[in-house]
Every structure is written in C-alpha cells, then in structure tokens.
Protein backbone atom coordinates (compact mmCIF):
# COMPACT_ATOMS: atom_id res chain seq x y z
CA MET A 1 -48.39 170.40 -32.11
CA GLU A 2 -49.66 173.83 -33.43
CA ASN A 3 -51.92 172.40 -35.99
CA PRO A 4 -53.73 169.12 -35.10
CA ASP A 5 -54.92 169.03 -38.45
CA ALA A 6 -51.48 168.59 -39.73
CA ILE A 7 -51.36 164.77 -38.17
CA GLN A 8 -53.15 162.34 -40.31
CA ILE A 9 -53.59 158.84 -38.50
CA ARG A 10 -54.43 156.24 -41.27
CA LEU A 11 -53.99 152.34 -41.97
CA LEU A 12 -50.85 150.60 -42.74
CA GLU A 13 -50.62 150.76 -46.55
CA GLU A 14 -48.72 148.46 -48.89
CA ASN A 15 -46.07 151.19 -49.83
CA ASP A 16 -45.21 152.13 -46.13
CA PRO A 17 -42.90 149.23 -44.76
CA PRO A 18 -39.51 150.55 -46.84
CA SER A 19 -40.26 154.42 -45.84
CA ILE A 20 -40.92 153.22 -42.13
CA ALA A 21 -37.98 151.16 -41.82
CA ALA A 22 -35.70 153.67 -43.45
CA ALA A 23 -36.95 156.34 -40.96
CA PHE A 24 -35.96 154.38 -38.27
CA ARG A 25 -32.74 153.29 -39.83
CA LYS A 26 -31.67 157.04 -40.05
CA ILE A 27 -32.09 157.45 -36.48
CA GLY A 28 -30.13 154.12 -35.57
CA TRP A 29 -32.95 151.77 -34.60
CA ASN A 30 -33.40 148.72 -35.82
CA LYS A 31 -36.90 148.18 -37.20
CA PRO A 32 -36.59 146.13 -40.58
CA GLU A 33 -38.84 146.60 -43.21
CA ALA A 34 -39.91 142.77 -42.93
CA GLN A 35 -41.49 143.65 -39.76
CA TYR A 36 -43.74 146.02 -41.42
CA ARG A 37 -44.54 143.51 -44.20
CA ARG A 38 -45.62 140.90 -41.34
CA TYR A 39 -47.93 143.78 -39.99
CA LEU A 40 -49.39 144.47 -43.41
CA HIS A 41 -49.97 140.52 -43.61
CA GLU A 42 -51.34 140.33 -40.30
CA GLN A 43 -53.71 143.40 -41.00
CA MET A 44 -55.06 141.71 -44.18
CA THR A 45 -55.58 138.49 -42.28
CA GLY A 46 -57.46 140.29 -39.22
CA VAL A 47 -54.84 139.46 -36.73
CA ARG A 48 -53.63 142.96 -36.16
CA THR A 49 -54.54 146.48 -36.99
CA CYS A 50 -51.75 148.95 -37.72
CA PHE A 51 -52.16 152.70 -37.92
CA VAL A 52 -49.56 155.13 -39.21
CA ALA A 53 -49.18 159.03 -38.24
CA ILE A 54 -48.20 161.11 -41.12
CA VAL A 55 -47.38 165.00 -40.47
CA GLU A 56 -47.10 167.16 -43.34
CA VAL A 57 -46.48 164.20 -45.67
CA GLN A 58 -43.76 162.67 -43.55
CA PHE A 59 -44.03 159.54 -41.58
CA ALA A 60 -43.80 160.49 -37.62
CA GLY A 61 -45.08 157.09 -35.93
CA TYR A 62 -47.32 154.01 -35.71
CA VAL A 63 -49.08 151.78 -33.11
CA THR A 64 -50.90 148.31 -33.70
CA VAL A 65 -53.74 146.79 -31.87
CA ASN A 66 -53.17 143.16 -31.82
CA TRP A 67 -56.47 141.00 -32.08
CA ARG A 68 -54.77 137.61 -30.76
CA PRO A 69 -51.96 138.45 -28.07
CA ILE A 70 -49.78 135.91 -26.79
CA TYR A 71 -49.97 137.74 -23.15
CA ALA A 72 -51.84 134.83 -21.19
CA GLY A 73 -53.70 137.60 -19.17
CA PHE A 74 -55.15 139.08 -22.46
CA ALA A 75 -55.67 135.89 -24.41
CA GLU A 76 -57.74 134.04 -21.75
CA MET A 77 -60.22 137.21 -21.96
CA ASN A 78 -59.90 137.73 -25.23
CA ILE A 79 -58.73 141.48 -24.78
CA PRO A 80 -57.25 143.05 -27.77
CA GLU A 81 -53.60 144.76 -27.12
CA ILE A 82 -52.28 148.04 -28.09
CA GLN A 83 -48.46 147.05 -29.13
CA ASP A 84 -45.34 148.96 -30.49
CA LEU A 85 -46.38 152.53 -30.09
CA ASN A 86 -43.27 154.28 -31.80
CA VAL A 87 -42.89 157.92 -32.64
CA LEU A 88 -39.92 159.36 -34.12
CA ILE A 89 -37.72 161.39 -31.75
CA THR A 90 -38.27 164.54 -34.05
CA TYR A 91 -41.91 164.10 -33.43
CA ARG A 92 -42.50 163.54 -29.93
CA ARG A 93 -44.37 166.03 -27.41
CA LYS A 94 -46.57 167.02 -30.19
CA GLY A 95 -49.35 164.82 -29.15
CA ILE A 96 -49.01 162.12 -31.82
CA ALA A 97 -48.74 159.26 -29.61
CA SER A 98 -52.02 160.60 -27.91
CA ARG A 99 -53.44 160.67 -31.21
CA LEU A 100 -52.31 157.30 -32.43
CA LEU A 101 -53.49 156.08 -29.01
CA ASP A 102 -57.07 157.55 -29.67
CA ARG A 103 -57.37 155.90 -32.65
CA ALA A 104 -56.25 152.42 -31.78
CA GLU A 105 -58.61 152.65 -28.45
CA GLY A 106 -61.66 153.60 -30.68
CA GLU A 107 -60.77 150.80 -32.54
CA ALA A 108 -60.67 148.54 -29.81
CA ALA A 109 -63.70 149.64 -28.55
CA ARG A 110 -65.52 148.47 -31.74
CA ARG A 111 -64.98 144.86 -30.51
CA SER A 112 -64.13 144.97 -26.75
CA ASP A 113 -65.05 147.05 -23.76
CA VAL A 114 -61.50 146.54 -22.41
CA VAL A 115 -58.08 147.36 -24.12
CA GLY A 116 -54.85 146.18 -22.77
CA ILE A 117 -51.21 147.29 -23.30
CA GLY A 118 -47.79 146.23 -21.94
CA VAL A 119 -45.21 148.60 -21.05
CA GLY A 120 -41.46 147.92 -20.14
CA LEU A 121 -39.82 148.84 -16.85
CA HIS A 122 -36.81 150.39 -17.60
CA PRO A 123 -35.90 153.87 -17.88
CA GLY A 124 -36.39 154.21 -21.75
CA TYR A 125 -40.03 153.51 -21.32
CA ASN A 126 -40.49 156.30 -18.50
CA ALA A 127 -42.61 158.50 -20.80
CA ALA A 128 -44.81 155.64 -21.95
CA GLN A 129 -45.37 154.75 -18.24
CA ARG A 130 -46.59 158.09 -17.67
CA LEU A 131 -48.64 158.46 -20.72
CA TYR A 132 -50.60 155.25 -20.03
CA ALA A 133 -51.15 156.36 -16.54
CA LYS A 134 -52.62 159.58 -17.71
CA ARG A 135 -54.91 158.05 -20.19
CA GLY A 136 -56.30 155.65 -17.18
CA TYR A 137 -54.52 152.48 -17.91
CA ILE A 138 -54.05 150.59 -14.54
CA PRO A 139 -51.94 147.55 -13.61
CA ASP A 140 -53.73 144.02 -14.47
CA GLY A 141 -52.68 142.74 -11.15
CA ARG A 142 -50.84 139.74 -12.64
CA GLY A 143 -47.32 140.93 -11.66
CA VAL A 144 -44.58 141.42 -14.44
CA THR A 145 -43.27 138.99 -17.32
CA TYR A 146 -40.17 138.41 -18.73
CA ARG A 147 -40.20 136.93 -22.21
CA ASN A 148 -43.78 136.30 -22.00
CA ARG A 149 -43.63 134.29 -18.80
CA PHE A 150 -44.69 135.61 -15.36
CA ALA A 151 -41.59 136.32 -13.27
CA GLU A 152 -42.22 134.59 -9.63
CA GLU A 153 -41.10 136.15 -6.56
CA GLY A 154 -37.53 136.12 -5.87
CA ALA A 155 -36.60 135.37 -9.59
CA SER A 156 -33.70 137.16 -11.04
CA VAL A 157 -34.41 138.87 -14.40
CA VAL A 158 -32.56 141.25 -16.99
CA VAL A 159 -34.28 144.74 -16.81
CA ASP A 160 -34.41 145.10 -20.80
CA ASP A 161 -37.31 145.36 -23.31
CA ASP A 162 -38.30 141.97 -22.40
CA LEU A 163 -39.49 142.94 -19.13
CA VAL A 164 -42.79 144.08 -18.93
CA MET A 165 -45.88 144.91 -16.80
CA HIS A 166 -49.43 145.05 -18.70
CA PHE A 167 -52.24 147.32 -18.27
CA THR A 168 -55.99 147.49 -18.89
CA LYS A 169 -58.01 150.51 -19.53
CA GLN A 170 -62.05 150.22 -19.73
CA LEU A 171 -63.28 151.71 -22.68
CA PRO A 172 -66.36 153.72 -23.09
CA THR A 173 -69.51 151.87 -24.49
CA GLY A 174 -71.87 152.62 -27.30
C-alpha cells in the first residue's frame, strides 16, 4: 500500500457486525452478521480478540485470536490460535493481512511465547500458506485434521475448508 498510515488496525466494535457482513455479502461470501456478533461477545468475555482493518474509513479485513482453541494440539499446551484471517479481495496484496497478523501476534505475545495458526490445504489457501511460511510459521508435526479430528494414514477425506494443517511460530519475548 502506498501509504501504510492509511491502514488502521483496531478492535472489533459494537457497530461493526452489520457493515462487515454487508461487505462480504457484496462479494458473494456468506459471512453472516451473527458470526461477528458472536466474535464481539467472545471478545467481551475474554475468549477471543478480533482486530479489524480500516482503510480510509472503509472496512478492509479482520483477524481473530482465539484464546481457547478447540484444536487439541494447541488446547493441550494453552497456545493461542490466530483464526479467520480475511481481507476483502479489492484490498489484497497491499500489506493488510501482514498488518493484521502483526497485531494478532503482538497480542498473543502478551500471554504466550508461541502462537498457532491453521490453514486449509486446498488451492484457495495457497496465498495464506505462502504468507505463513514467510512469517516463520512451521508445521506443528501432528499431521492434518479434518473437521477437528486427526486424519489417520490411509484415510479418505474431502479436500475442503475443513482439511487443515496447523502451524506454530515462536514469538519474541519481552
């Protein structure tokens, strides 16, 4: 992005859910307002933190940090998980995802020296896979999950959004 100062990263606010849902509906994505109302509730109760990217007063994307992930590999070790990174198509390749991840990782570093992230394995996630590798995320070594269950060797699974590999990143301390 030509002017990085034009990107504001802030916490999800009470009046955000309708405009976020509308922005995704406009591009044909099903991301209902109820999802962002749930994120807001989880943020208020300390379960999740949600950061929103605003570019010149327009919603551009968001990311969440789930402090209580259900993925066993993270839950067992109290590793916060970065989840649901989304940037609107018109705002991609402008550094917004990196700025959102910077903020999410910074927030995670306040409570943990490791952060986790899961990424889908179908081609729709290719850009995310490359971004996470460039940022220092490495596979957690537990294989892949399908619908939050570990896929055993020889198992048949559907290659959709539920087929995920999890990664971790060591965060800088103090």
